[in-house]
Amino acid sequence: MALTKIITPILLMALLAGCASAPPKYYSLDMRPHNTTAPGTAIQVDHITIADILASQNIFIQKSPTQIEYYAVDQWAANLSDLLQEKLSVELGEPTNTGDTLLLTGTLQAFGQKDTAWHKDTVTAASAIVKLHIQLRAPDASRNSPPLLDKTYTCEHPATEPGAPAIVEALSRCVESIATELRNDARQLQG
């Protein structure tokens, strides 16, 4: 009987602790094409690597210039590198003539929420931040050859409100903006 008095509260606390944790919420980028005009220069996304700080499934938050966090339950539905490669492929369009196709490799250096305004300890405004270093090469060029284009693209887009759903939407807009700028840069290489 004394053992039951000890075990029952422990089991009850364990049960309540399990009920208190929220299930994860999963997010993907908006994979609908934003730019529906025909691509001028064909670009094939070869590979995107991500910085170690972005390797978590949880969505990244830059709280201040010196402090970072991750959302507790808001996570990417897939590997961030795969999501970004798919979104860029959607935005850049399918290559129609593989002979003139440029190969894109890149490194994702920043991708997440940047808190921009606070009231006491509450975030009142946030932006999505994307920083992507891209290299374009001819399809027959080795990875050691100099790229035709070597550029870092940065986009900061305000979120409609603080929180993961609005940040993910703003991140999608940033990738679309970078894809448009990249497409313009690739046209200049060819023209």
Protein backbone atom coordinates (compact mmCIF):
# COMPACT_ATOMS: atom_id res chain seq x y z
CA MET A 1 0.00 0.00 0.00
CA ALA A 2 2.83 2.42 0.79
CA LEU A 3 4.39 1.58 -2.56
CA THR A 4 1.11 2.46 -4.32
CA LYS A 5 1.08 5.88 -2.63
CA ILE A 6 4.54 6.59 -4.05
CA ILE A 7 4.06 5.13 -7.55
CA THR A 8 0.62 6.63 -8.25
CA PRO A 9 1.77 10.32 -8.05
CA ILE A 10 4.87 9.54 -10.10
CA LEU A 11 2.83 7.88 -12.84
CA LEU A 12 0.32 10.73 -12.79
CA MET A 13 3.10 13.34 -13.20
CA ALA A 14 4.64 11.36 -16.05
CA LEU A 15 1.28 11.12 -17.78
CA LEU A 16 0.64 14.85 -17.41
CA ALA A 17 4.12 15.71 -18.65
CA GLY A 18 3.52 13.62 -21.78
CA CYS A 19 0.21 15.39 -22.43
CA ALA A 20 1.73 18.85 -21.99
CA SER A 21 4.25 18.59 -24.83
CA ALA A 22 2.85 19.92 -28.09
CA PRO A 23 3.13 17.81 -31.24
CA PRO A 24 5.42 19.16 -33.96
CA LYS A 25 4.03 21.36 -36.75
CA TYR A 26 5.57 20.74 -40.17
CA TYR A 27 6.20 23.33 -42.88
CA SER A 28 7.31 23.37 -46.49
CA LEU A 29 8.12 26.23 -48.80
CA ASP A 30 5.37 27.36 -51.18
CA MET A 31 6.18 25.21 -54.21
CA ARG A 32 3.85 27.02 -56.60
CA PRO A 33 5.83 28.86 -59.30
CA HIS A 34 5.87 32.60 -58.71
CA ASN A 35 7.38 33.66 -62.03
CA THR A 36 5.48 32.09 -64.92
CA THR A 37 7.50 33.69 -67.73
CA ALA A 38 9.66 31.38 -69.79
CA PRO A 39 13.22 31.18 -68.51
CA GLY A 40 15.79 32.87 -70.73
CA THR A 41 18.78 30.79 -69.70
CA ALA A 42 18.30 27.21 -68.57
CA ILE A 43 19.61 26.60 -65.05
CA GLN A 44 19.66 23.18 -63.43
CA VAL A 45 19.99 23.03 -59.65
CA ASP A 46 22.81 20.57 -59.01
CA HIS A 47 23.41 20.76 -55.26
CA ILE A 48 22.82 23.08 -52.30
CA THR A 49 24.70 22.59 -49.05
CA ILE A 50 23.56 24.21 -45.84
CA ALA A 51 25.52 25.81 -43.03
CA ASP A 52 25.74 23.69 -39.89
CA ILE A 53 23.67 26.21 -37.93
CA LEU A 54 20.73 25.47 -40.27
CA ALA A 55 21.00 21.66 -40.04
CA SER A 56 18.26 21.41 -37.39
CA GLN A 57 14.79 20.36 -38.52
CA ASN A 58 13.45 23.20 -36.37
CA ILE A 59 13.06 26.63 -37.94
CA PHE A 60 15.90 29.02 -37.14
CA ILE A 61 15.43 32.33 -35.29
CA GLN A 62 18.03 35.14 -35.13
CA LYS A 63 16.93 36.77 -31.86
CA SER A 64 19.66 39.42 -31.93
CA PRO A 65 23.05 39.90 -33.57
CA THR A 66 24.52 37.54 -30.94
CA GLN A 67 21.66 35.21 -29.95
CA ILE A 68 19.96 32.42 -31.88
CA GLU A 69 17.11 30.04 -31.13
CA TYR A 70 14.99 27.50 -32.92
CA TYR A 71 11.22 27.15 -32.84
CA ALA A 72 10.31 24.44 -30.32
CA VAL A 73 7.64 22.63 -32.37
CA ASP A 74 7.76 24.30 -35.81
CA GLN A 75 9.86 22.12 -38.11
CA TRP A 76 10.70 21.66 -41.77
CA ALA A 77 8.78 18.79 -43.34
CA ALA A 78 11.93 17.64 -45.16
CA ASN A 79 15.64 18.35 -45.28
CA LEU A 80 16.09 22.10 -45.82
CA SER A 81 18.56 21.51 -48.65
CA ASP A 82 15.99 19.37 -50.50
CA LEU A 83 13.21 21.93 -49.98
CA LEU A 84 15.39 24.77 -51.27
CA GLN A 85 16.59 22.78 -54.28
CA GLU A 86 13.00 21.93 -55.19
CA LYS A 87 11.80 25.54 -54.77
CA LEU A 88 14.66 26.91 -56.89
CA SER A 89 13.97 24.29 -59.57
CA VAL A 90 10.30 25.30 -59.65
CA GLU A 91 11.18 28.99 -59.91
CA LEU A 92 13.93 28.58 -62.52
CA GLY A 93 11.85 26.27 -64.71
CA GLU A 94 12.73 23.01 -66.37
CA PRO A 95 15.70 23.22 -68.75
CA THR A 96 14.51 22.71 -72.34
CA ASN A 97 17.89 22.53 -74.07
CA THR A 98 20.38 20.67 -71.89
CA GLY A 99 23.34 21.75 -74.08
CA ASP A 100 23.11 25.37 -72.91
CA THR A 101 22.06 24.56 -69.36
CA LEU A 102 24.08 26.10 -66.56
CA LEU A 103 24.64 24.04 -63.41
CA LEU A 104 23.92 25.71 -60.07
CA THR A 105 25.67 24.81 -56.85
CA GLY A 106 25.29 26.79 -53.69
CA THR A 107 25.67 27.16 -49.97
CA LEU A 108 22.78 28.32 -47.83
CA GLN A 109 24.26 30.62 -45.19
CA ALA A 110 21.10 32.06 -43.57
CA PHE A 111 17.49 30.92 -43.71
CA GLY A 112 15.00 31.75 -41.02
CA GLN A 113 13.43 34.41 -38.85
CA LYS A 114 15.18 37.62 -37.90
CA ASP A 115 13.49 39.41 -35.01
CA THR A 116 13.35 43.14 -35.75
CA ALA A 117 11.25 44.78 -33.00
CA TRP A 118 10.35 43.99 -29.41
CA HIS A 119 8.08 45.29 -26.69
CA LYS A 120 9.44 44.17 -23.33
CA ASP A 121 10.23 40.48 -23.97
CA THR A 122 7.74 39.97 -26.80
CA VAL A 123 8.67 40.04 -30.48
CA THR A 124 6.41 42.48 -32.29
CA ALA A 125 7.96 42.34 -35.77
CA ALA A 126 10.07 39.85 -37.67
CA SER A 127 11.51 39.34 -41.13
CA ALA A 128 12.55 36.34 -43.13
CA ILE A 129 16.23 36.35 -44.02
CA VAL A 130 17.84 34.29 -46.77
CA LYS A 131 21.51 34.39 -47.70
CA LEU A 132 22.54 32.04 -50.50
CA HIS A 133 25.96 31.83 -52.13
CA ILE A 134 25.57 30.59 -55.71
CA GLN A 135 27.98 29.45 -58.40
CA LEU A 136 27.00 28.78 -62.00
CA ARG A 137 29.11 26.62 -64.28
CA ALA A 138 28.85 25.26 -67.79
CA PRO A 139 27.57 21.66 -67.79
CA ASP A 140 30.90 20.24 -68.99
CA ALA A 141 33.03 22.23 -66.51
CA SER A 142 34.59 20.56 -63.49
CA ARG A 143 33.82 21.77 -59.99
CA ASN A 144 37.42 23.00 -59.76
CA SER A 145 37.14 25.27 -62.78
CA PRO A 146 36.30 28.94 -62.21
CA PRO A 147 32.54 29.53 -62.16
CA LEU A 148 30.83 31.73 -64.72
CA LEU A 149 28.99 33.39 -61.83
CA ASP A 150 30.04 33.47 -58.18
CA LYS A 151 27.67 35.61 -56.13
CA THR A 152 25.98 35.80 -52.74
CA TYR A 153 22.31 36.72 -52.85
CA THR A 154 20.65 38.17 -49.76
CA CYS A 155 16.97 38.85 -49.24
CA GLU A 156 15.15 40.15 -46.20
CA HIS A 157 11.36 40.18 -46.42
CA PRO A 158 9.06 41.37 -43.61
CA ALA A 159 6.64 38.82 -42.22
CA THR A 160 3.00 39.82 -41.89
CA GLU A 161 3.28 38.86 -38.21
CA PRO A 162 5.76 37.10 -35.92
CA GLY A 163 5.37 33.33 -35.98
CA ALA A 164 6.33 30.35 -38.09
CA PRO A 165 3.46 30.39 -40.64
CA ALA A 166 4.15 34.01 -41.67
CA ILE A 167 7.93 33.48 -41.61
CA VAL A 168 7.71 30.43 -43.89
CA GLU A 169 5.57 32.42 -46.33
CA ALA A 170 8.10 35.28 -46.28
CA LEU A 171 10.97 32.80 -46.79
CA SER A 172 9.18 31.51 -49.90
CA ARG A 173 8.96 35.09 -51.23
CA CYS A 174 12.69 35.57 -50.59
CA VAL A 175 13.61 32.45 -52.57
CA GLU A 176 11.39 33.67 -55.42
CA SER A 177 13.12 37.06 -55.36
CA ILE A 178 16.58 35.45 -55.40
CA ALA A 179 15.53 33.17 -58.30
CA THR A 180 14.38 36.20 -60.31
CA GLU A 181 17.65 38.05 -59.65
CA LEU A 182 19.66 34.92 -60.48
CA ARG A 183 17.76 34.44 -63.74
CA ASN A 184 18.55 38.06 -64.72
CA ASP A 185 22.23 37.55 -63.89
CA ALA A 186 22.32 34.35 -65.97
CA ARG A 187 20.79 36.18 -68.96
CA GLN A 188 23.62 38.72 -68.80
CA LEU A 189 26.17 35.89 -68.90
CA GLN A 190 24.64 34.60 -72.12
CA GLY A 191 23.90 37.93 -73.73
